[in-house]
Amino acid sequence: MLNKLVFISTLLFATNSLFAEYVPGEVIVKLKSSSSISAYANVSEIAGSDLKVIKIDKDKDVMEAVQELAQNPDVEYAQPNYIYHISVVPNDPYFAPKLWGLKNTPQNVPGATYANNPGNLGDDIDAEDAWGIITDCSSIIVAVIDTGVRYTHEDLSANMWNGGVSYPHHGWNYHDSSNDPIDDNGHGSHVSGIIGAQGNNSKGVTGVCWRVNIMALKAFGSDGTGSTTTIISSIDFAINNGANIINASFNLYGSVDAALSTKITDAQKAGILIVAAAGNGYLNDGSAYDVDAGTKTYPCCYTQDNVLCVTALDQKFQRATFANYGATSVDVAAPGTNVWSAWNTNDSFYKIESGTSMATPYAVGVAALVWANNPGYTYLDVKNAVMYGGAVVTSLADTTVSGKVINAYNAVNYINVPRGLTAVVSQ
């Protein structure tokens, strides 16, 4: 009696690759000269070509049919009827001239304060290709724990989380103990704009997500400082109000905050992904270092698997000189220099900033795109897609876990390794 090994899986053949979509039940063939495929009943011409479309049973595997037809001596080649997506470009006026992280042309970014401006053509997160698949992350709630958000801003107001009558200002202010988390610094509004400035509204910038729910949680004051208690309370609010992702563009150096670590574990149990900044050198002194070998920074260096730590690259996809790194603690890189986004000065004000604080929301935006496109994913599925669906940057090989910079298109299409597979041996 023959032994047969049966694998309970349908995805093992492509667990780490992109996949092309195609129309089910259709195969395109090109015949050799003077040949015919009369054996197939349902054949049609493709207008303007000598190609034909064969309709097959929709329950039949297209690739199997392609292989069968390719072996037919009358067939020159056979292929699926591939599905393409339009390249979507927003009409926001700052998109082309300023937002190199979304599309590096390479433009000379006005007002740039950091080196390598302009950058290299194509050194960006492939946002346009991803937007051909999805722009709407409105099923996702992103909690921005920061200095608050200017929720009346022209590019943010439409994308604020609806807190109902209980939270009319889209979140909570734990720094000042009020229900109004208005931004009095600018940092939180800038972060929010990178994640989700409304796209295609003919105003200002566009976020990685054109639509999303930004939950404003003010844990930091106008001086940019917050405390364990304000941050923990903010995380707890996010847990209790359905947040999917938390943007944590802040750092504590040198000390393990046990209380914050416990609350991050609570977020982990609630299925929340926390995306954290690697930091801009010790106490933002502009001198980057290896957080694995030197002073650790938190929440980046917490070991819970729901923490995704992000460092910053410049316009030539070189690690920014200020951006911390670490082969076991820093997971991935993202654009983080000369970034234009919303600011709190008024409802139509924008500003350029650099820092790992700017790289982090780029990764958050990509995570939101992935989750919106794959609603059955867990936080770990999303984290893996953002990390390993990125693009390889040689210089990151020994300075990050993944060795990659985020790539929106690759991440949205990334196929996660199936979990819980079993192998059954039958006699």
Protein backbone atom coordinates (compact mmCIF):
# COMPACT_ATOMS: atom_id res chain seq x y z
CA MET A 1 0.00 0.00 0.00
CA LEU A 2 1.32 3.43 -0.95
CA ASN A 3 1.93 6.04 1.72
CA LYS A 4 0.49 9.48 1.00
CA LEU A 5 1.46 12.71 2.75
CA VAL A 6 -1.32 15.28 2.68
CA PHE A 7 -0.63 18.93 3.57
CA ILE A 8 -3.60 20.90 4.82
CA SER A 9 -2.80 24.15 3.03
CA THR A 10 -3.50 25.97 -0.19
CA LEU A 11 -1.02 28.82 0.22
CA LEU A 12 2.36 27.24 0.93
CA PHE A 13 3.53 27.67 -2.64
CA ALA A 14 3.50 31.45 -2.38
CA THR A 15 3.83 32.45 1.23
CA ASN A 16 6.36 35.21 0.66
CA SER A 17 5.68 36.46 -2.85
CA LEU A 18 3.42 38.89 -4.60
CA PHE A 19 0.60 37.42 -6.62
CA ALA A 20 -1.06 38.56 -9.82
CA GLU A 21 -4.84 38.66 -10.01
CA TYR A 22 -6.69 37.21 -12.98
CA VAL A 23 -10.25 36.71 -14.18
CA PRO A 24 -11.65 33.37 -12.99
CA GLY A 25 -12.84 30.99 -15.72
CA GLU A 26 -10.89 32.60 -18.58
CA VAL A 27 -7.67 31.71 -20.41
CA ILE A 28 -6.10 33.74 -23.24
CA VAL A 29 -4.40 31.76 -26.01
CA LYS A 30 -2.39 32.60 -29.10
CA LEU A 31 -2.63 29.92 -31.78
CA LYS A 32 0.09 28.90 -34.15
CA SER A 33 -0.46 29.75 -37.79
CA SER A 34 -3.46 27.97 -39.39
CA SER A 35 -4.32 26.20 -36.15
CA SER A 36 -7.67 25.96 -34.43
CA ILE A 37 -9.00 24.95 -31.05
CA SER A 38 -12.32 23.58 -32.12
CA ALA A 39 -12.25 21.13 -29.25
CA TYR A 40 -13.19 24.00 -26.96
CA ALA A 41 -16.82 25.04 -27.16
CA ASN A 42 -16.70 28.52 -25.69
CA VAL A 43 -14.11 30.55 -27.60
CA SER A 44 -14.24 34.24 -28.42
CA GLU A 45 -12.00 36.71 -30.22
CA ILE A 46 -10.23 39.62 -28.57
CA ALA A 47 -10.97 42.68 -30.66
CA GLY A 48 -7.93 44.15 -32.35
CA SER A 49 -5.74 41.07 -31.96
CA ASP A 50 -5.28 37.50 -33.09
CA LEU A 51 -5.74 36.25 -29.53
CA LYS A 52 -8.67 34.21 -28.28
CA VAL A 53 -10.36 33.82 -24.92
CA ILE A 54 -11.43 30.37 -23.83
CA LYS A 55 -14.14 30.16 -21.20
CA ILE A 56 -13.59 27.34 -18.75
CA ASP A 57 -15.58 26.10 -15.81
CA LYS A 58 -15.18 28.66 -13.03
CA ASP A 59 -14.57 25.81 -10.62
CA LYS A 60 -11.55 24.73 -12.67
CA ASP A 61 -8.18 26.15 -11.67
CA VAL A 62 -7.06 28.73 -14.22
CA MET A 63 -3.37 27.95 -13.90
CA GLU A 64 -4.07 24.26 -14.40
CA ALA A 65 -5.98 25.09 -17.60
CA VAL A 66 -3.10 27.32 -18.74
CA GLN A 67 -0.65 24.46 -18.30
CA GLU A 68 -2.89 22.05 -20.19
CA LEU A 69 -3.33 24.45 -23.11
CA ALA A 70 0.38 25.26 -23.23
CA GLN A 71 1.02 21.59 -24.02
CA ASN A 72 -1.35 21.68 -26.97
CA PRO A 73 0.78 21.61 -30.18
CA ASP A 74 -1.58 24.12 -31.83
CA VAL A 75 -1.07 26.71 -29.07
CA GLU A 76 1.85 29.15 -29.20
CA TYR A 77 1.23 30.31 -25.64
CA ALA A 78 -1.50 30.42 -23.01
CA GLN A 79 -1.93 32.73 -20.05
CA PRO A 80 -4.49 33.98 -17.53
CA ASN A 81 -6.60 37.04 -18.28
CA TYR A 82 -4.79 39.28 -15.82
CA ILE A 83 -6.49 42.00 -13.79
CA TYR A 84 -4.84 45.43 -13.76
CA HIS A 85 -5.51 48.37 -11.46
CA ILE A 86 -5.53 52.00 -12.45
CA SER A 87 -2.75 54.22 -11.13
CA VAL A 88 -4.51 56.63 -8.83
CA VAL A 89 -3.05 60.12 -8.36
CA PRO A 90 -4.69 62.56 -5.92
CA ASN A 91 -5.39 66.16 -6.91
CA ASP A 92 -3.97 67.60 -3.69
CA PRO A 93 -1.64 70.46 -4.73
CA TYR A 94 1.32 69.52 -2.52
CA PHE A 95 1.39 65.87 -3.64
CA ALA A 96 3.70 66.16 -6.64
CA PRO A 97 6.05 68.97 -5.54
CA LYS A 98 6.47 68.08 -1.86
CA LEU A 99 5.51 64.53 -0.89
CA TRP A 100 8.59 62.58 -2.00
CA GLY A 101 7.87 59.75 0.44
CA LEU A 102 4.73 58.92 -1.53
CA LYS A 103 6.26 59.55 -4.96
CA ASN A 104 9.94 60.44 -5.46
CA THR A 105 10.23 62.00 -8.93
CA PRO A 106 12.91 63.18 -7.69
CA GLN A 107 11.53 66.61 -6.85
CA ASN A 108 13.45 69.36 -5.08
CA VAL A 109 11.34 69.65 -1.93
CA PRO A 110 10.79 73.32 -1.08
CA GLY A 111 11.86 74.40 2.39
CA ALA A 112 14.00 71.28 2.89
CA THR A 113 16.22 71.43 5.97
CA TYR A 114 17.80 67.98 5.70
CA ALA A 115 20.44 66.62 3.30
CA ASN A 116 19.99 64.60 0.08
CA ASN A 117 17.37 66.88 -1.45
CA PRO A 118 16.50 66.02 -4.15
CA GLY A 119 16.66 62.28 -3.78
CA ASN A 120 16.62 59.30 -6.12
CA LEU A 121 13.88 58.53 -8.61
CA GLY A 122 11.56 55.87 -7.23
CA ASP A 123 12.91 55.91 -3.68
CA ASP A 124 9.45 56.06 -2.12
CA ILE A 125 6.80 53.74 -0.66
CA ASP A 126 5.06 53.00 -4.00
CA ALA A 127 1.90 54.72 -2.81
CA GLU A 128 0.38 55.20 -6.26
CA ASP A 129 0.51 51.47 -7.01
CA ALA A 130 -1.07 50.69 -3.65
CA TRP A 131 -3.78 53.31 -4.23
CA GLY A 132 -4.71 51.45 -7.41
CA ILE A 133 -5.89 48.73 -5.04
CA ILE A 134 -7.13 50.66 -2.01
CA THR A 135 -7.22 54.26 -0.74
CA ASP A 136 -9.99 53.94 1.86
CA CYS A 137 -8.97 52.89 5.38
CA SER A 138 -12.21 54.12 6.96
CA SER A 139 -12.80 50.70 8.52
CA ILE A 140 -9.65 51.27 10.61
CA ILE A 141 -9.31 53.39 13.75
CA VAL A 142 -5.84 54.85 14.33
CA ALA A 143 -5.18 56.30 17.77
CA VAL A 144 -2.60 59.09 17.63
CA ILE A 145 -1.09 59.47 21.10
CA ASP A 146 0.67 62.79 20.86
CA THR A 147 0.23 66.53 21.46
CA GLY A 148 -3.36 66.37 20.25
CA VAL A 149 -4.72 66.96 16.77
CA ARG A 150 -6.04 70.11 15.11
CA TYR A 151 -9.23 68.30 14.26
CA THR A 152 -10.65 71.36 12.47
CA HIS A 153 -7.83 71.39 9.91
CA GLU A 154 -8.99 71.36 6.29
CA ASP A 155 -7.10 68.14 5.58
CA LEU A 156 -7.97 66.33 8.83
CA SER A 157 -11.54 67.24 9.79
CA ALA A 158 -13.20 64.70 7.47
CA ASN A 159 -11.01 61.88 8.74
CA MET A 160 -11.44 62.28 12.48
CA TRP A 161 -12.86 59.45 14.57
CA ASN A 162 -16.53 59.87 15.44
CA GLY A 163 -16.71 59.73 19.21
CA GLY A 164 -20.42 60.54 19.35
CA VAL A 165 -21.91 62.70 22.07
CA SER A 166 -19.52 61.31 24.67
CA TYR A 167 -16.40 62.44 22.80
CA PRO A 168 -17.45 65.31 20.53
CA HIS A 169 -13.85 66.34 19.85
CA HIS A 170 -12.78 62.95 18.50
CA GLY A 171 -10.85 61.70 21.52
CA TRP A 172 -9.64 62.81 24.94
CA ASN A 173 -7.10 65.11 26.55
CA TYR A 174 -5.29 63.30 29.37
CA HIS A 175 -2.61 65.96 29.66
CA ASP A 176 -5.12 68.62 30.74
CA SER A 177 -7.93 66.30 31.91
CA SER A 178 -10.55 67.50 29.44
CA ASN A 179 -12.56 66.20 26.51
CA ASP A 180 -10.79 68.55 24.08
CA PRO A 181 -7.57 67.10 22.60
CA ILE A 182 -6.80 70.13 20.44
CA ASP A 183 -3.16 70.34 19.38
CA ASP A 184 -1.16 73.17 21.00
CA ASN A 185 2.22 72.07 19.65
CA GLY A 186 1.83 70.92 16.01
CA HIS A 187 3.57 67.55 16.25
CA GLY A 188 0.36 65.52 16.61
CA SER A 189 -1.30 67.25 13.67
CA HIS A 190 1.77 66.63 11.51
CA VAL A 191 1.78 62.93 12.40
CA SER A 192 -1.95 62.69 11.72
CA GLY A 193 -1.60 64.29 8.29
CA ILE A 194 1.04 61.76 7.23
CA ILE A 195 -1.30 58.93 8.20
CA GLY A 196 -4.55 60.31 6.92
CA ALA A 197 -4.75 63.79 5.46
CA GLN A 198 -7.82 63.56 3.24
CA GLY A 199 -6.80 62.56 -0.25
CA ASN A 200 -8.16 63.95 -3.50
CA ASN A 201 -9.85 66.94 -1.86
CA SER A 202 -7.85 69.55 -3.80
CA LYS A 203 -6.28 70.80 -0.57
CA GLY A 204 -2.79 70.63 0.83
CA VAL A 205 -1.24 67.18 1.26
CA THR A 206 -2.53 63.63 1.13
CA GLY A 207 -2.03 60.93 3.70
CA VAL A 208 -1.04 57.34 3.04
CA CYS A 209 -4.74 56.64 3.66
CA TRP A 210 -7.16 58.98 1.89
CA ARG A 211 -9.90 58.07 4.36
CA VAL A 212 -9.34 56.79 7.89
CA ASN A 213 -10.55 57.33 11.46
CA ILE A 214 -8.02 59.34 13.48
CA MET A 215 -8.59 59.14 17.22
CA ALA A 216 -6.99 62.15 18.93
CA LEU A 217 -5.43 61.31 22.29
CA LYS A 218 -3.52 64.17 23.87
CA ALA A 219 -0.90 62.80 26.27
CA PHE A 220 1.70 65.52 25.63
CA GLY A 221 1.65 69.24 26.29
CA SER A 222 2.74 72.20 24.23
CA ASP A 223 6.35 71.59 25.38
CA GLY A 224 6.28 68.08 23.90
CA THR A 225 6.43 66.20 27.19
CA GLY A 226 4.03 63.63 28.59
CA SER A 227 4.07 61.09 31.39
CA THR A 228 3.55 57.41 32.06
CA THR A 229 0.08 58.13 33.39
CA THR A 230 -1.10 60.21 30.42
CA ILE A 231 0.24 57.66 27.93
CA ILE A 232 -1.22 54.67 29.78
CA SER A 233 -4.59 56.39 30.03
CA SER A 234 -4.46 57.13 26.31
CA ILE A 235 -3.69 53.50 25.45
CA ASP A 236 -6.51 52.39 27.71
CA PHE A 237 -8.90 54.76 25.88
CA ALA A 238 -7.77 53.30 22.57
CA ILE A 239 -8.38 49.76 23.84
CA ASN A 240 -11.83 50.57 25.17
CA ASN A 241 -12.93 52.44 22.06
CA GLY A 242 -12.00 50.00 19.33
CA ALA A 243 -8.67 51.29 18.00
CA ASN A 244 -6.81 48.98 15.63
CA ILE A 245 -3.45 50.78 15.52
CA ILE A 246 -1.66 53.19 17.85
CA ASN A 247 0.88 55.72 16.54
CA ALA A 248 3.59 56.18 19.19
CA SER A 249 5.98 58.86 17.92
CA PHE A 250 7.61 59.36 21.31
CA ASN A 251 10.50 57.95 23.33
CA LEU A 252 11.73 57.20 26.84
CA TYR A 253 15.47 56.54 27.06
CA GLY A 254 17.29 54.17 29.37
CA SER A 255 14.57 52.99 31.76
CA VAL A 256 12.11 50.13 31.40
CA ASP A 257 8.71 51.53 32.30
CA ALA A 258 7.01 48.47 33.77
CA ALA A 259 3.64 50.18 33.97
CA LEU A 260 3.70 51.14 30.29
CA SER A 261 4.92 47.68 29.33
CA THR A 262 1.94 46.15 31.14
CA LYS A 263 -0.45 48.43 29.26
CA ILE A 264 1.21 47.51 25.95
CA THR A 265 0.52 43.89 26.83
CA ASP A 266 -3.11 44.85 27.44
CA ALA A 267 -3.17 46.36 23.96
CA GLN A 268 -1.63 43.18 22.61
CA LYS A 269 -4.43 41.13 24.16
CA ALA A 270 -6.93 43.51 22.57
CA GLY A 271 -5.36 42.89 19.16
CA ILE A 272 -3.88 46.39 18.74
CA LEU A 273 -0.71 47.07 16.75
CA ILE A 274 1.56 49.74 18.27
CA VAL A 275 3.90 51.46 15.81
CA ALA A 276 6.76 53.20 17.61
CA ALA A 277 9.55 55.59 16.65
CA ALA A 278 13.16 54.41 16.98
CA GLY A 279 14.16 57.89 18.17
CA ASN A 280 16.44 60.67 16.96
CA GLY A 281 19.56 59.99 18.98
CA TYR A 282 19.70 60.16 22.75
CA LEU A 283 17.34 62.90 23.90
CA ASN A 284 17.07 64.05 20.28
CA ASP A 285 20.67 65.30 20.25
CA GLY A 286 21.01 64.45 16.56
CA SER A 287 23.53 61.67 17.07
CA ALA A 288 22.03 58.29 16.16
CA TYR A 289 23.15 55.08 17.83
CA ASP A 290 22.52 51.35 18.02
CA VAL A 291 19.71 50.87 20.55
CA ASP A 292 20.67 47.19 20.92
CA ALA A 293 24.20 48.05 22.06
CA GLY A 294 23.65 51.38 23.78
CA THR A 295 20.88 53.10 25.71
CA LYS A 296 17.58 51.49 24.85
CA THR A 297 14.55 53.54 23.88
CA TYR A 298 10.95 52.68 24.65
CA PRO A 299 8.36 51.73 23.50
CA CYS A 300 10.56 50.76 20.54
CA CYS A 301 12.62 48.22 22.51
CA TYR A 302 9.75 46.44 24.27
CA THR A 303 9.65 42.82 23.20
CA GLN A 304 5.88 42.34 22.87
CA ASP A 305 5.12 41.21 19.32
CA ASN A 306 2.51 43.93 18.80
CA VAL A 307 5.23 46.61 18.76
CA LEU A 308 6.59 47.63 15.34
CA CYS A 309 9.64 49.91 15.62
CA VAL A 310 10.48 52.28 12.75
CA THR A 311 13.62 54.22 11.80
CA ALA A 312 13.93 56.98 9.19
CA LEU A 313 15.41 57.17 5.68
CA ASP A 314 16.18 60.26 3.62
CA GLN A 315 15.32 61.05 0.00
CA LYS A 316 18.12 58.82 -1.30
CA PHE A 317 16.97 55.94 0.92
CA GLN A 318 19.96 56.31 3.22
CA ARG A 319 19.36 56.11 6.95
CA ALA A 320 18.99 59.62 8.26
CA THR A 321 22.00 60.63 10.36
CA PHE A 322 19.76 61.27 13.37
CA ALA A 323 17.82 57.99 13.15
CA ASN A 324 18.50 55.27 15.72
CA TYR A 325 18.93 51.69 14.56
CA GLY A 326 19.20 48.16 15.93
CA ALA A 327 19.40 44.76 14.26
CA THR A 328 17.11 43.11 16.82
CA SER A 329 14.97 46.01 18.07
CA VAL A 330 14.30 48.26 15.04
CA ASP A 331 12.03 46.44 12.61
CA VAL A 332 11.83 48.50 9.44
CA ALA A 333 12.53 51.92 7.91
CA ALA A 334 10.30 54.58 6.34
CA PRO A 335 10.69 58.07 4.81
CA GLY A 336 11.45 60.54 7.59
CA THR A 337 13.17 63.66 6.27
CA ASN A 338 11.80 66.84 4.69
CA VAL A 339 8.22 65.69 5.20
CA TRP A 340 5.38 68.15 4.59
CA SER A 341 2.15 67.70 6.56
CA ALA A 342 -0.57 69.52 8.47
CA TRP A 343 0.26 71.81 11.39
CA ASN A 344 -1.71 73.44 14.18
CA THR A 345 -1.14 77.12 13.37
CA ASN A 346 -4.46 77.38 11.53
CA ASP A 347 -6.85 75.21 9.54
CA SER A 348 -4.90 75.54 6.30
CA PHE A 349 -1.33 75.59 7.58
CA TYR A 350 1.34 73.03 6.58
CA LYS A 351 4.92 72.59 7.70
CA ILE A 352 8.04 70.58 6.84
CA GLU A 353 9.57 68.37 9.54
CA SER A 354 12.16 65.56 9.85
CA GLY A 355 12.46 62.75 12.38
CA THR A 356 11.60 59.18 13.20
CA SER A 357 8.35 60.74 14.39
CA MET A 358 7.58 61.33 10.70
CA ALA A 359 8.70 57.85 9.58
CA THR A 360 6.42 56.15 12.11
CA PRO A 361 3.10 57.46 10.70
CA TYR A 362 4.16 56.40 7.21
CA ALA A 363 4.34 52.85 8.56
CA VAL A 364 1.04 53.35 10.37
CA GLY A 365 -0.62 54.44 7.14
CA VAL A 366 0.67 51.37 5.32
CA ALA A 367 -0.51 49.15 8.18
CA ALA A 368 -3.98 50.71 7.91
CA LEU A 369 -4.07 50.08 4.15
CA VAL A 370 -3.09 46.44 4.72
CA TRP A 371 -5.69 45.92 7.44
CA ALA A 372 -8.47 47.63 5.49
CA ASN A 373 -7.66 45.45 2.48
CA ASN A 374 -7.45 42.29 4.62
CA PRO A 375 -10.04 42.70 7.39
CA GLY A 376 -9.49 39.15 8.63
CA TYR A 377 -5.86 39.85 9.51
CA THR A 378 -4.54 39.93 13.07
CA TYR A 379 -2.14 42.61 14.31
CA LEU A 380 0.70 40.15 13.71
CA ASP A 381 -0.38 39.54 10.11
CA VAL A 382 -0.39 43.30 9.54
CA LYS A 383 2.99 43.76 11.23
CA ASN A 384 4.57 41.03 9.11
CA ALA A 385 3.09 42.48 5.92
CA VAL A 386 4.52 45.93 6.70
CA MET A 387 7.94 44.54 7.65
CA TYR A 388 8.51 41.77 5.14
CA GLY A 389 6.45 43.26 2.34
CA GLY A 390 8.95 46.09 2.24
CA ALA A 391 11.73 46.68 -0.27
CA VAL A 392 15.30 45.62 0.46
CA VAL A 393 17.79 48.40 1.24
CA THR A 394 21.31 46.99 1.47
CA SER A 395 22.46 49.38 4.19
CA LEU A 396 19.61 48.25 6.46
CA ALA A 397 20.68 44.59 6.48
CA ASP A 398 22.61 44.86 9.76
CA THR A 399 20.72 47.75 11.30
CA THR A 400 17.09 46.56 11.25
CA VAL A 401 15.28 43.28 11.74
CA SER A 402 13.81 43.14 8.23
CA GLY A 403 16.51 44.96 6.27
CA LYS A 404 13.73 46.75 4.42
CA VAL A 405 11.97 50.05 3.86
CA ILE A 406 8.18 49.99 3.87
CA ASN A 407 6.46 49.54 0.52
CA ALA A 408 2.72 50.13 0.42
CA TYR A 409 2.04 48.10 -2.72
CA ASN A 410 4.09 45.09 -1.64
CA ALA A 411 2.60 45.17 1.85
CA VAL A 412 -1.00 45.26 0.60
CA ASN A 413 -0.25 42.25 -1.60
CA TYR A 414 1.90 40.36 0.90
CA ILE A 415 0.71 36.83 1.61
CA ASN A 416 1.20 35.88 5.24
CA VAL A 417 2.40 32.41 6.11
CA PRO A 418 -0.60 30.27 7.11
CA ARG A 419 -0.70 29.35 10.79
CA GLY A 420 -2.02 26.22 12.44
CA LEU A 421 -1.22 23.87 9.55
CA THR A 422 -1.15 20.15 10.17
CA ALA A 423 0.29 17.30 8.17
CA VAL A 424 -1.64 14.03 8.02
CA VAL A 425 -0.06 10.77 6.89
CA SER A 426 -2.58 8.32 5.49
CA GLN A 427 -1.84 4.68 4.63
